[in-house]
Amino acid sequence: SDVSDDGNDGDGNTANDVTEVDLPRTPSLSVEKSVSSSVEVSVGSVLTYGYVVENTGNVTLTAVTLSDAHTSAAGEVALVIDPDGGVVDTLEPGATASFSATYTVTQDDIDSGADVTNIA
């Protein structure tokens, strides 16, 4: 197709032709996670996880949902993400949304001697 809009596309048609511009869509998302404490925890310590979700693409994202699975001696537990259960209705390019979740360390966590881990 003619992308120059010069009216001459080689087929004898001298009227203005449609100019086409490719608009690539590149949706992309990044998540940065932090924890309030990683040393000297004891039974009852509350670990607060912070999350920053950023739309690093060039299209508006909708119904973005953040989830986090926490693994400890007690097994895997889905953390409750605040606010709104970790859902963002609309996230414009370059925009960010912040969330948090907590986990309370148990005696089983301490007794197991294993690391407390999670993956967002």
PDB file of N, CA and C in Angstrom:
ATOM      1  N   SER A   1       0.840  -1.189   0.000  1.00  0.00           N
ATOM      2  CA  SER A   1       0.000   0.000   0.000  1.00  0.00           C
ATOM      3  C   SER A   1       0.875   1.239   0.000  1.00  0.00           C
ATOM      4  N   ASP A   2       0.291   2.339  -0.433  1.00  0.00           N
ATOM      5  CA  ASP A   2       1.005   3.603  -0.515  1.00  0.00           C
ATOM      6  C   ASP A   2       0.985   4.269   0.855  1.00  0.00           C
ATOM      7  N   VAL A   3       2.157   4.509   1.409  1.00  0.00           N
ATOM      8  CA  VAL A   3       2.225   5.167   2.716  1.00  0.00           C
ATOM      9  C   VAL A   3       2.670   6.614   2.582  1.00  0.00           C
ATOM     10  N   SER A   4       2.845   7.104   1.352  1.00  0.00           N
ATOM     11  CA  SER A   4       3.370   8.456   1.159  1.00  0.00           C
ATOM     12  C   SER A   4       2.282   9.496   0.941  1.00  0.00           C
ATOM     13  N   ASP A   5       1.062   9.087   0.622  1.00  0.00           N
ATOM     14  CA  ASP A   5      -0.055  10.001   0.349  1.00  0.00           C
ATOM     15  C   ASP A   5       0.332  11.036  -0.708  1.00  0.00           C
ATOM     16  N   ASP A   6       1.113  10.598  -1.716  1.00  0.00           N
ATOM     17  CA  ASP A   6       1.513  11.538  -2.759  1.00  0.00           C
ATOM     18  C   ASP A   6       0.589  11.513  -3.967  1.00  0.00           C
ATOM     19  N   GLY A   7      -0.445  10.698  -3.911  1.00  0.00           N
ATOM     20  CA  GLY A   7      -1.397  10.635  -5.009  1.00  0.00           C
ATOM     21  C   GLY A   7      -0.934   9.782  -6.169  1.00  0.00           C
ATOM     22  N   ASN A   8       0.208   9.171  -6.073  1.00  0.00           N
ATOM     23  CA  ASN A   8       0.699   8.341  -7.167  1.00  0.00           C
ATOM     24  C   ASN A   8       1.167   7.008  -6.604  1.00  0.00           C
ATOM     25  N   ASP A   9       0.307   6.011  -6.689  1.00  0.00           N
ATOM     26  CA  ASP A   9       0.653   4.708  -6.132  1.00  0.00           C
ATOM     27  C   ASP A   9       1.042   3.710  -7.204  1.00  0.00           C
ATOM     28  N   GLY A  10       1.309   4.195  -8.411  1.00  0.00           N
ATOM     29  CA  GLY A  10       1.805   3.314  -9.462  1.00  0.00           C
ATOM     30  C   GLY A  10       0.740   2.603 -10.260  1.00  0.00           C
ATOM     31  N   ASP A  11      -0.545   2.760  -9.926  1.00  0.00           N
ATOM     32  CA  ASP A  11      -1.582   2.048 -10.684  1.00  0.00           C
ATOM     33  C   ASP A  11      -2.409   2.993 -11.550  1.00  0.00           C
ATOM     34  N   GLY A  12      -1.912   4.208 -11.716  1.00  0.00           N
ATOM     35  CA  GLY A  12      -2.631   5.168 -12.549  1.00  0.00           C
ATOM     36  C   GLY A  12      -3.641   5.991 -11.794  1.00  0.00           C
ATOM     37  N   ASN A  13      -3.882   5.680 -10.533  1.00  0.00           N
ATOM     38  CA  ASN A  13      -4.803   6.441  -9.704  1.00  0.00           C
ATOM     39  C   ASN A  13      -4.044   7.653  -9.169  1.00  0.00           C
ATOM     40  N   THR A  14      -4.478   8.849  -9.528  1.00  0.00           N
ATOM     41  CA  THR A  14      -3.765  10.047  -9.093  1.00  0.00           C
ATOM     42  C   THR A  14      -4.452  10.749  -7.925  1.00  0.00           C
ATOM     43  N   ALA A  15      -5.516  10.178  -7.387  1.00  0.00           N
ATOM     44  CA  ALA A  15      -6.192  10.762  -6.224  1.00  0.00           C
ATOM     45  C   ALA A  15      -5.349  10.481  -4.982  1.00  0.00           C
ATOM     46  N   ASN A  16      -5.573  11.281  -3.970  1.00  0.00           N
ATOM     47  CA  ASN A  16      -4.858  11.029  -2.719  1.00  0.00           C
ATOM     48  C   ASN A  16      -5.175   9.636  -2.210  1.00  0.00           C
ATOM     49  N   ASP A  17      -4.147   8.920  -1.854  1.00  0.00           N
ATOM     50  CA  ASP A  17      -4.300   7.586  -1.299  1.00  0.00           C
ATOM     51  C   ASP A  17      -4.289   7.654   0.230  1.00  0.00           C
ATOM     52  N   VAL A  18      -4.818   6.636   0.828  1.00  0.00           N
ATOM     53  CA  VAL A  18      -4.821   6.551   2.289  1.00  0.00           C
ATOM     54  C   VAL A  18      -3.386   6.416   2.782  1.00  0.00           C
ATOM     55  N   THR A  19      -3.037   7.190   3.786  1.00  0.00           N
ATOM     56  CA  THR A  19      -1.714   7.063   4.409  1.00  0.00           C
ATOM     57  C   THR A  19      -1.856   6.148   5.604  1.00  0.00           C
ATOM     58  N   GLU A  20      -1.022   5.121   5.644  1.00  0.00           N
ATOM     59  CA  GLU A  20      -1.077   4.158   6.738  1.00  0.00           C
ATOM     60  C   GLU A  20       0.160   4.296   7.618  1.00  0.00           C
ATOM     61  N   VAL A  21      -0.077   4.336   8.916  1.00  0.00           N
ATOM     62  CA  VAL A  21       1.010   4.398   9.886  1.00  0.00           C
ATOM     63  C   VAL A  21       0.815   3.254  10.868  1.00  0.00           C
ATOM     64  N   ASP A  22       1.810   2.418  10.976  1.00  0.00           N
ATOM     65  CA  ASP A  22       1.755   1.297  11.906  1.00  0.00           C
ATOM     66  C   ASP A  22       1.908   1.823  13.331  1.00  0.00           C
ATOM     67  N   LEU A  23       0.975   1.494  14.208  1.00  0.00           N
ATOM     68  CA  LEU A  23       1.024   1.889  15.611  1.00  0.00           C
ATOM     69  C   LEU A  23       1.217   0.637  16.460  1.00  0.00           C
ATOM     70  N   PRO A  24       2.465   0.276  16.705  1.00  0.00           N
ATOM     71  CA  PRO A  24       2.711  -0.967  17.454  1.00  0.00           C
ATOM     72  C   PRO A  24       2.228  -0.854  18.904  1.00  0.00           C
ATOM     73  N   ARG A  25       1.575  -1.903  19.347  1.00  0.00           N
ATOM     74  CA  ARG A  25       1.115  -1.989  20.742  1.00  0.00           C
ATOM     75  C   ARG A  25       2.115  -2.853  21.486  1.00  0.00           C
ATOM     76  N   THR A  26       2.652  -2.311  22.570  1.00  0.00           N
ATOM     77  CA  THR A  26       3.614  -3.075  23.361  1.00  0.00           C
ATOM     78  C   THR A  26       3.220  -3.022  24.837  1.00  0.00           C
ATOM     79  N   PRO A  27       2.242  -3.840  25.207  1.00  0.00           N
ATOM     80  CA  PRO A  27       1.860  -3.874  26.629  1.00  0.00           C
ATOM     81  C   PRO A  27       3.013  -4.455  27.458  1.00  0.00           C
ATOM     82  N   SER A  28       3.243  -3.848  28.622  1.00  0.00           N
ATOM     83  CA  SER A  28       4.315  -4.309  29.501  1.00  0.00           C
ATOM     84  C   SER A  28       4.031  -3.827  30.914  1.00  0.00           C
ATOM     85  N   LEU A  29       4.447  -4.625  31.876  1.00  0.00           N
ATOM     86  CA  LEU A  29       4.155  -4.342  33.276  1.00  0.00           C
ATOM     87  C   LEU A  29       5.369  -4.714  34.116  1.00  0.00           C
ATOM     88  N   SER A  30       5.664  -3.910  35.130  1.00  0.00           N
ATOM     89  CA  SER A  30       6.721  -4.280  36.077  1.00  0.00           C
ATOM     90  C   SER A  30       6.149  -4.252  37.493  1.00  0.00           C
ATOM     91  N   VAL A  31       6.701  -5.113  38.354  1.00  0.00           N
ATOM     92  CA  VAL A  31       6.293  -5.161  39.756  1.00  0.00           C
ATOM     93  C   VAL A  31       7.545  -5.091  40.610  1.00  0.00           C
ATOM     94  N   GLU A  32       7.570  -4.135  41.525  1.00  0.00           N
ATOM     95  CA  GLU A  32       8.660  -4.015  42.490  1.00  0.00           C
ATOM     96  C   GLU A  32       8.103  -4.374  43.862  1.00  0.00           C
ATOM     97  N   LYS A  33       8.790  -5.281  44.561  1.00  0.00           N
ATOM     98  CA  LYS A  33       8.291  -5.746  45.858  1.00  0.00           C
ATOM     99  C   LYS A  33       9.348  -5.518  46.925  1.00  0.00           C
ATOM    100  N   SER A  34       8.895  -5.151  48.115  1.00  0.00           N
ATOM    101  CA  SER A  34       9.797  -4.970  49.252  1.00  0.00           C
ATOM    102  C   SER A  34       9.142  -5.577  50.489  1.00  0.00           C
ATOM    103  N   VAL A  35       9.965  -5.838  51.509  1.00  0.00           N
ATOM    104  CA  VAL A  35       9.444  -6.369  52.775  1.00  0.00           C
ATOM    105  C   VAL A  35       9.961  -5.490  53.903  1.00  0.00           C
ATOM    106  N   SER A  36       9.134  -5.317  54.937  1.00  0.00           N
ATOM    107  CA  SER A  36       9.478  -4.417  56.032  1.00  0.00           C
ATOM    108  C   SER A  36      10.609  -4.934  56.898  1.00  0.00           C
ATOM    109  N   SER A  37      10.750  -6.255  57.013  1.00  0.00           N
ATOM    110  CA  SER A  37      11.775  -6.812  57.887  1.00  0.00           C
ATOM    111  C   SER A  37      12.231  -8.147  57.320  1.00  0.00           C
ATOM    112  N   SER A  38      13.546  -8.356  57.329  1.00  0.00           N
ATOM    113  CA  SER A  38      14.050  -9.634  56.837  1.00  0.00           C
ATOM    114  C   SER A  38      14.990 -10.306  57.833  1.00  0.00           C
ATOM    115  N   VAL A  39      15.248  -9.668  58.963  1.00  0.00           N
ATOM    116  CA  VAL A  39      16.102 -10.249  60.005  1.00  0.00           C
ATOM    117  C   VAL A  39      15.452 -10.042  61.365  1.00  0.00           C
ATOM    118  N   GLU A  40      15.885 -10.849  62.324  1.00  0.00           N
ATOM    119  CA  GLU A  40      15.393 -10.715  63.706  1.00  0.00           C
ATOM    120  C   GLU A  40      13.877 -10.812  63.826  1.00  0.00           C
ATOM    121  N   VAL A  41      13.283 -11.757  63.128  1.00  0.00           N
ATOM    122  CA  VAL A  41      11.847 -11.955  63.278  1.00  0.00           C
ATOM    123  C   VAL A  41      11.593 -12.986  64.357  1.00  0.00           C
ATOM    124  N   SER A  42      10.445 -12.899  64.997  1.00  0.00           N
ATOM    125  CA  SER A  42      10.059 -13.845  66.038  1.00  0.00           C
ATOM    126  C   SER A  42       8.572 -14.131  65.883  1.00  0.00           C
ATOM    127  N   VAL A  43       8.065 -15.069  66.665  1.00  0.00           N
ATOM    128  CA  VAL A  43       6.642 -15.399  66.615  1.00  0.00           C
ATOM    129  C   VAL A  43       5.831 -14.121  66.843  1.00  0.00           C
ATOM    130  N   GLY A  44       4.891 -13.901  65.979  1.00  0.00           N
ATOM    131  CA  GLY A  44       4.047 -12.714  66.080  1.00  0.00           C
ATOM    132  C   GLY A  44       4.566 -11.524  65.291  1.00  0.00           C
ATOM    133  N   SER A  45       5.799 -11.602  64.789  1.00  0.00           N
ATOM    134  CA  SER A  45       6.298 -10.508  63.943  1.00  0.00           C
ATOM    135  C   SER A  45       5.429 -10.396  62.713  1.00  0.00           C
ATOM    136  N   VAL A  46       5.122  -9.177  62.353  1.00  0.00           N
ATOM    137  CA  VAL A  46       4.309  -8.932  61.160  1.00  0.00           C
ATOM    138  C   VAL A  46       5.227  -8.455  60.043  1.00  0.00           C
ATOM    139  N   LEU A  47       5.259  -9.227  58.971  1.00  0.00           N
ATOM    140  CA  LEU A  47       6.005  -8.825  57.783  1.00  0.00           C
ATOM    141  C   LEU A  47       5.052  -8.078  56.870  1.00  0.00           C
ATOM    142  N   THR A  48       5.406  -6.860  56.526  1.00  0.00           N
ATOM    143  CA  THR A  48       4.578  -6.062  55.626  1.00  0.00           C
ATOM    144  C   THR A  48       5.271  -6.000  54.271  1.00  0.00           C
ATOM    145  N   TYR A  49       4.566  -6.476  53.261  1.00  0.00           N
ATOM    146  CA  TYR A  49       5.081  -6.455  51.900  1.00  0.00           C
ATOM    147  C   TYR A  49       4.496  -5.255  51.174  1.00  0.00           C
ATOM    148  N   GLY A  50       5.349  -4.522  50.470  1.00  0.00           N
ATOM    149  CA  GLY A  50       4.907  -3.399  49.652  1.00  0.00           C
ATOM    150  C   GLY A  50       5.125  -3.731  48.187  1.00  0.00           C
ATOM    151  N   TYR A  51       4.214  -3.312  47.347  1.00  0.00           N
ATOM    152  CA  TYR A  51       4.273  -3.594  45.917  1.00  0.00           C
ATOM    153  C   TYR A  51       4.013  -2.306  45.143  1.00  0.00           C
ATOM    154  N   VAL A  52       4.800  -2.076  44.107  1.00  0.00           N
ATOM    155  CA  VAL A  52       4.536  -0.979  43.173  1.00  0.00           C
ATOM    156  C   VAL A  52       4.437  -1.602  41.788  1.00  0.00           C
ATOM    157  N   VAL A  53       3.272  -1.457  41.186  1.00  0.00           N
ATOM    158  CA  VAL A  53       3.010  -1.978  39.841  1.00  0.00           C
ATOM    159  C   VAL A  53       3.061  -0.796  38.883  1.00  0.00           C
ATOM    160  N   GLU A  54       3.856  -0.932  37.815  1.00  0.00           N
ATOM    161  CA  GLU A  54       3.976   0.158  36.841  1.00  0.00           C
ATOM    162  C   GLU A  54       3.661  -0.352  35.439  1.00  0.00           C
ATOM    163  N   ASN A  55       2.868   0.428  34.720  1.00  0.00           N
ATOM    164  CA  ASN A  55       2.604   0.145  33.315  1.00  0.00           C
ATOM    165  C   ASN A  55       3.783   0.690  32.518  1.00  0.00           C
ATOM    166  N   THR A  56       4.679  -0.190  32.087  1.00  0.00           N
ATOM    167  CA  THR A  56       5.874   0.210  31.347  1.00  0.00           C
ATOM    168  C   THR A  56       5.678   0.104  29.838  1.00  0.00           C
ATOM    169  N   GLY A  57       4.469  -0.219  29.416  1.00  0.00           N
ATOM    170  CA  GLY A  57       4.166  -0.327  27.988  1.00  0.00           C
ATOM    171  C   GLY A  57       3.597   0.960  27.433  1.00  0.00           C
ATOM    172  N   ASN A  58       3.035   0.855  26.224  1.00  0.00           N
ATOM    173  CA  ASN A  58       2.476   2.047  25.579  1.00  0.00           C
ATOM    174  C   ASN A  58       0.967   1.962  25.365  1.00  0.00           C
ATOM    175  N   VAL A  59       0.309   1.012  26.023  1.00  0.00           N
ATOM    176  CA  VAL A  59      -1.144   0.897  25.931  1.00  0.00           C
ATOM    177  C   VAL A  59      -1.749   0.886  27.339  1.00  0.00           C
ATOM    178  N   THR A  60      -2.969   1.378  27.447  1.00  0.00           N
ATOM    179  CA  THR A  60      -3.686   1.360  28.723  1.00  0.00           C
ATOM    180  C   THR A  60      -4.048  -0.080  29.070  1.00  0.00           C
ATOM    181  N   LEU A  61      -3.757  -0.472  30.303  1.00  0.00           N
ATOM    182  CA  LEU A  61      -4.083  -1.814  30.778  1.00  0.00           C
ATOM    183  C   LEU A  61      -5.338  -1.750  31.630  1.00  0.00           C
ATOM    184  N   THR A  62      -6.179  -2.769  31.531  1.00  0.00           N
ATOM    185  CA  THR A  62      -7.399  -2.818  32.329  1.00  0.00           C
ATOM    186  C   THR A  62      -7.448  -4.107  33.128  1.00  0.00           C
ATOM    187  N   ALA A  63      -8.138  -4.055  34.239  1.00  0.00           N
ATOM    188  CA  ALA A  63      -8.342  -5.216  35.118  1.00  0.00           C
ATOM    189  C   ALA A  63      -7.015  -5.874  35.496  1.00  0.00           C
ATOM    190  N   VAL A  64      -6.031  -5.047  35.874  1.00  0.00           N
ATOM    191  CA  VAL A  64      -4.741  -5.561  36.320  1.00  0.00           C
ATOM    192  C   VAL A  64      -4.921  -6.108  37.732  1.00  0.00           C
ATOM    193  N   THR A  65      -4.496  -7.356  37.964  1.00  0.00           N
ATOM    194  CA  THR A  65      -4.669  -7.995  39.264  1.00  0.00           C
ATOM    195  C   THR A  65      -3.333  -8.503  39.779  1.00  0.00           C
ATOM    196  N   LEU A  66      -2.967  -8.071  40.984  1.00  0.00           N
ATOM    197  CA  LEU A  66      -1.749  -8.512  41.651  1.00  0.00           C
ATOM    198  C   LEU A  66      -2.106  -9.604  42.652  1.00  0.00           C
ATOM    199  N   SER A  67      -1.343 -10.687  42.653  1.00  0.00           N
ATOM    200  CA  SER A  67      -1.535 -11.731  43.663  1.00  0.00           C
ATOM    201  C   SER A  67      -0.170 -12.132  44.199  1.00  0.00           C
ATOM    202  N   ASP A  68      -0.157 -12.671  45.415  1.00  0.00           N
ATOM    203  CA  ASP A  68       1.100 -13.065  46.044  1.00  0.00           C
ATOM    204  C   ASP A  68       0.884 -14.344  46.832  1.00  0.00           C
ATOM    205  N   ALA A  69       1.679 -15.359  46.544  1.00  0.00           N
ATOM    206  CA  ALA A  69       1.626 -16.624  47.265  1.00  0.00           C
ATOM    207  C   ALA A  69       2.776 -16.662  48.261  1.00  0.00           C
ATOM    208  N   HIS A  70       2.446 -16.801  49.517  1.00  0.00           N
ATOM    209  CA  HIS A  70       3.425 -16.817  50.605  1.00  0.00           C
ATOM    210  C   HIS A  70       3.663 -18.266  51.026  1.00  0.00           C
ATOM    211  N   THR A  71       4.940 -18.683  51.077  1.00  0.00           N
ATOM    212  CA  THR A  71       5.271 -20.047  51.454  1.00  0.00           C
ATOM    213  C   THR A  71       6.039 -20.047  52.770  1.00  0.00           C
ATOM    214  N   SER A  72       5.562 -20.860  53.701  1.00  0.00           N
ATOM    215  CA  SER A  72       6.226 -20.987  54.998  1.00  0.00           C
ATOM    216  C   SER A  72       6.035 -22.418  55.495  1.00  0.00           C
ATOM    217  N   ALA A  73       6.415 -22.669  56.741  1.00  0.00           N
ATOM    218  CA  ALA A  73       6.255 -24.003  57.323  1.00  0.00           C
ATOM    219  C   ALA A  73       4.797 -24.439  57.331  1.00  0.00           C
ATOM    220  N   ALA A  74       3.901 -23.486  57.375  1.00  0.00           N
ATOM    221  CA  ALA A  74       2.470 -23.798  57.393  1.00  0.00           C
ATOM    222  C   ALA A  74       1.938 -24.120  56.001  1.00  0.00           C
ATOM    223  N   GLY A  75       2.788 -24.012  54.986  1.00  0.00           N
ATOM    224  CA  GLY A  75       2.351 -24.273  53.618  1.00  0.00           C
ATOM    225  C   GLY A  75       2.243 -22.989  52.827  1.00  0.00           C
ATOM    226  N   GLU A  76       1.519 -23.059  51.722  1.00  0.00           N
ATOM    227  CA  GLU A  76       1.357 -21.883  50.868  1.00  0.00           C
ATOM    228  C   GLU A  76       0.050 -21.186  51.200  1.00  0.00           C
ATOM    229  N   VAL A  77       0.128 -19.873  51.374  1.00  0.00           N
ATOM    230  CA  VAL A  77      -1.030 -19.072  51.731  1.00  0.00           C
ATOM    231  C   VAL A  77      -1.114 -17.887  50.772  1.00  0.00           C
ATOM    232  N   ALA A  78      -2.291 -17.646  50.226  1.00  0.00           N
ATOM    233  CA  ALA A  78      -2.503 -16.463  49.391  1.00  0.00           C
ATOM    234  C   ALA A  78      -2.678 -15.262  50.313  1.00  0.00           C
ATOM    235  N   LEU A  79      -1.831 -14.254  50.138  1.00  0.00           N
ATOM    236  CA  LEU A  79      -1.936 -13.051  50.961  1.00  0.00           C
ATOM    237  C   LEU A  79      -3.072 -12.167  50.464  1.00  0.00           C
ATOM    238  N   VAL A  80      -3.691 -11.457  51.385  1.00  0.00           N
ATOM    239  CA  VAL A  80      -4.741 -10.503  51.030  1.00  0.00           C
ATOM    240  C   VAL A  80      -4.052  -9.199  50.652  1.00  0.00           C
ATOM    241  N   ILE A  81      -4.255  -8.769  49.438  1.00  0.00           N
ATOM    242  CA  ILE A  81      -3.626  -7.563  48.911  1.00  0.00           C
ATOM    243  C   ILE A  81      -4.582  -6.386  49.095  1.00  0.00           C
ATOM    244  N   ASP A  82      -4.065  -5.300  49.678  1.00  0.00           N
ATOM    245  CA  ASP A  82      -4.844  -4.079  49.875  1.00  0.00           C
ATOM    246  C   ASP A  82      -4.247  -2.964  49.027  1.00  0.00           C
ATOM    247  N   PRO A  83      -4.992  -2.031  48.546  1.00  0.00           N
ATOM    248  CA  PRO A  83      -6.452  -1.979  48.580  1.00  0.00           C
ATOM    249  C   PRO A  83      -7.083  -2.798  47.454  1.00  0.00           C
ATOM    250  N   ASP A  84      -8.369  -2.969  47.556  1.00  0.00           N
ATOM    251  CA  ASP A  84      -9.225  -3.543  46.505  1.00  0.00           C
ATOM    252  C   ASP A  84      -8.813  -4.929  46.032  1.00  0.00           C
ATOM    253  N   GLY A  85      -8.205  -5.716  46.920  1.00  0.00           N
ATOM    254  CA  GLY A  85      -7.822  -7.069  46.538  1.00  0.00           C
ATOM    255  C   GLY A  85      -6.742  -7.117  45.475  1.00  0.00           C
ATOM    256  N   GLY A  86      -6.004  -6.012  45.320  1.00  0.00           N
ATOM    257  CA  GLY A  86      -4.919  -5.967  44.339  1.00  0.00           C
ATOM    258  C   GLY A  86      -5.367  -5.729  42.916  1.00  0.00           C
ATOM    259  N   VAL A  87      -6.570  -5.194  42.733  1.00  0.00           N
ATOM    260  CA  VAL A  87      -7.103  -4.971  41.381  1.00  0.00           C
ATOM    261  C   VAL A  87      -7.046  -3.485  41.033  1.00  0.00           C
ATOM    262  N   VAL A  88      -6.546  -3.196  39.834  1.00  0.00           N
ATOM    263  CA  VAL A  88      -6.557  -1.841  39.282  1.00  0.00           C
ATOM    264  C   VAL A  88      -7.452  -1.888  38.053  1.00  0.00           C
ATOM    265  N   ASP A  89      -8.500  -1.073  38.043  1.00  0.00           N
ATOM    266  CA  ASP A  89      -9.418  -1.063  36.902  1.00  0.00           C
ATOM    267  C   ASP A  89      -8.729  -0.609  35.623  1.00  0.00           C
ATOM    268  N   THR A  90      -7.959   0.500  35.712  1.00  0.00           N
ATOM    269  CA  THR A  90      -7.290   1.062  34.543  1.00  0.00           C
ATOM    270  C   THR A  90      -5.920   1.574  34.955  1.00  0.00           C
ATOM    271  N   LEU A  91      -4.897   1.228  34.157  1.00  0.00           N
ATOM    272  CA  LEU A  91      -3.537   1.686  34.428  1.00  0.00           C
ATOM    273  C   LEU A  91      -2.964   2.254  33.126  1.00  0.00           C
ATOM    274  N   GLU A  92      -2.868   3.583  33.066  1.00  0.00           N
ATOM    275  CA  GLU A  92      -2.367   4.274  31.877  1.00  0.00           C
ATOM    276  C   GLU A  92      -0.866   4.031  31.713  1.00  0.00           C
ATOM    277  N   PRO A  93      -0.325   4.161  30.508  1.00  0.00           N
ATOM    278  CA  PRO A  93       1.116   4.038  30.316  1.00  0.00           C
ATOM    279  C   PRO A  93       1.888   4.995  31.236  1.00  0.00           C
ATOM    280  N   GLY A  94       2.897   4.474  31.913  1.00  0.00           N
ATOM    281  CA  GLY A  94       3.703   5.273  32.832  1.00  0.00           C
ATOM    282  C   GLY A  94       3.118   5.410  34.228  1.00  0.00           C
ATOM    283  N   ALA A  95       1.874   5.009  34.421  1.00  0.00           N
ATOM    284  CA  ALA A  95       1.221   5.137  35.723  1.00  0.00           C
ATOM    285  C   ALA A  95       1.634   3.992  36.648  1.00  0.00           C
ATOM    286  N   THR A  96       1.539   4.249  37.953  1.00  0.00           N
ATOM    287  CA  THR A  96       1.846   3.230  38.952  1.00  0.00           C
ATOM    288  C   THR A  96       0.666   3.059  39.908  1.00  0.00           C
ATOM    289  N   ALA A  97       0.637   1.906  40.558  1.00  0.00           N
ATOM    290  CA  ALA A  97      -0.343   1.627  41.609  1.00  0.00           C
ATOM    291  C   ALA A  97       0.419   0.956  42.750  1.00  0.00           C
ATOM    292  N   SER A  98       0.090   1.316  43.982  1.00  0.00           N
ATOM    293  CA  SER A  98       0.774   0.769  45.157  1.00  0.00           C
ATOM    294  C   SER A  98      -0.171  -0.094  45.975  1.00  0.00           C
ATOM    295  N   PHE A  99       0.397  -1.193  46.501  1.00  0.00           N
ATOM    296  CA  PHE A  99      -0.376  -2.142  47.290  1.00  0.00           C
ATOM    297  C   PHE A  99       0.451  -2.597  48.487  1.00  0.00           C
ATOM    298  N   SER A 100      -0.217  -3.287  49.410  1.00  0.00           N
ATOM    299  CA  SER A 100       0.492  -3.882  50.547  1.00  0.00           C
ATOM    300  C   SER A 100      -0.235  -5.152  50.992  1.00  0.00           C
ATOM    301  N   ALA A 101       0.504  -5.974  51.730  1.00  0.00           N
ATOM    302  CA  ALA A 101      -0.048  -7.194  52.320  1.00  0.00           C
ATOM    303  C   ALA A 101       0.793  -7.511  53.550  1.00  0.00           C
ATOM    304  N   THR A 102       0.212  -8.267  54.483  1.00  0.00           N
ATOM    305  CA  THR A 102       0.958  -8.630  55.687  1.00  0.00           C
ATOM    306  C   THR A 102       0.921 -10.135  55.916  1.00  0.00           C
ATOM    307  N   TYR A 103       1.951 -10.612  56.624  1.00  0.00           N
ATOM    308  CA  TYR A 103       2.014 -12.000  57.064  1.00  0.00           C
ATOM    309  C   TYR A 103       2.536 -11.999  58.486  1.00  0.00           C
ATOM    310  N   THR A 104       1.888 -12.752  59.367  1.00  0.00           N
ATOM    311  CA  THR A 104       2.327 -12.861  60.758  1.00  0.00           C
ATOM    312  C   THR A 104       3.097 -14.162  60.936  1.00  0.00           C
ATOM    313  N   VAL A 105       4.326 -14.049  61.413  1.00  0.00           N
ATOM    314  CA  VAL A 105       5.204 -15.205  61.614  1.00  0.00           C
ATOM    315  C   VAL A 105       4.637 -16.095  62.723  1.00  0.00           C
ATOM    316  N   THR A 106       4.624 -17.410  62.466  1.00  0.00           N
ATOM    317  CA  THR A 106       4.083 -18.381  63.427  1.00  0.00           C
ATOM    318  C   THR A 106       5.204 -19.175  64.093  1.00  0.00           C
ATOM    319  N   GLN A 107       4.848 -19.919  65.139  1.00  0.00           N
ATOM    320  CA  GLN A 107       5.816 -20.796  65.795  1.00  0.00           C
ATOM    321  C   GLN A 107       6.286 -21.883  64.828  1.00  0.00           C
ATOM    322  N   ASP A 108       5.390 -22.372  63.981  1.00  0.00           N
ATOM    323  CA  ASP A 108       5.781 -23.366  62.971  1.00  0.00           C
ATOM    324  C   ASP A 108       6.872 -22.822  62.051  1.00  0.00           C
ATOM    325  N   ASP A 109       6.776 -21.538  61.694  1.00  0.00           N
ATOM    326  CA  ASP A 109       7.809 -20.923  60.853  1.00  0.00           C
ATOM    327  C   ASP A 109       9.166 -20.979  61.554  1.00  0.00           C
ATOM    328  N   ILE A 110       9.192 -20.627  62.831  1.00  0.00           N
ATOM    329  CA  ILE A 110      10.436 -20.609  63.602  1.00  0.00           C
ATOM    330  C   ILE A 110      10.967 -22.037  63.779  1.00  0.00           C
ATOM    331  N   ASP A 111      10.085 -22.970  64.167  1.00  0.00           N
ATOM    332  CA  ASP A 111      10.499 -24.345  64.426  1.00  0.00           C
ATOM    333  C   ASP A 111      11.067 -25.013  63.182  1.00  0.00           C
ATOM    334  N   SER A 112      10.559 -24.684  62.019  1.00  0.00           N
ATOM    335  CA  SER A 112      11.005 -25.350  60.790  1.00  0.00           C
ATOM    336  C   SER A 112      12.424 -24.945  60.414  1.00  0.00           C
ATOM    337  N   GLY A 113      12.843 -23.773  60.848  1.00  0.00           N
ATOM    338  CA  GLY A 113      14.167 -23.290  60.489  1.00  0.00           C
ATOM    339  C   GLY A 113      14.296 -22.929  59.022  1.00  0.00           C
ATOM    340  N   ALA A 114      13.207 -23.003  58.284  1.00  0.00           N
ATOM    341  CA  ALA A 114      13.232 -22.690  56.845  1.00  0.00           C
ATOM    342  C   ALA A 114      12.964 -21.206  56.635  1.00  0.00           C
ATOM    343  N   ASP A 115      13.411 -20.718  55.502  1.00  0.00           N
ATOM    344  CA  ASP A 115      13.143 -19.342  55.153  1.00  0.00           C
ATOM    345  C   ASP A 115      11.661 -19.143  54.900  1.00  0.00           C
ATOM    346  N   VAL A 116      11.188 -17.956  55.198  1.00  0.00           N
ATOM    347  CA  VAL A 116       9.830 -17.547  54.858  1.00  0.00           C
ATOM    348  C   VAL A 116       9.961 -16.856  53.505  1.00  0.00           C
ATOM    349  N   THR A 117       9.276 -17.371  52.499  1.00  0.00           N
ATOM    350  CA  THR A 117       9.412 -16.826  51.144  1.00  0.00           C
ATOM    351  C   THR A 117       8.057 -16.533  50.534  1.00  0.00           C
ATOM    352  N   ASN A 118       8.057 -15.683  49.523  1.00  0.00           N
ATOM    353  CA  ASN A 118       6.849 -15.492  48.719  1.00  0.00           C
ATOM    354  C   ASN A 118       7.233 -14.989  47.341  1.00  0.00           C
ATOM    355  N   ILE A 119       6.320 -15.157  46.408  1.00  0.00           N
ATOM    356  CA  ILE A 119       6.546 -14.763  45.025  1.00  0.00           C
ATOM    357  C   ILE A 119       5.326 -14.014  44.538  1.00  0.00           C
ATOM    358  N   ALA A 120       5.520 -12.772  44.165  1.00  0.00           N
ATOM    359  CA  ALA A 120       4.399 -11.972  43.625  1.00  0.00           C
ATOM    360  C   ALA A 120       4.303 -12.196  42.139  1.00  0.00           C
TER     361      ALA A 120
END
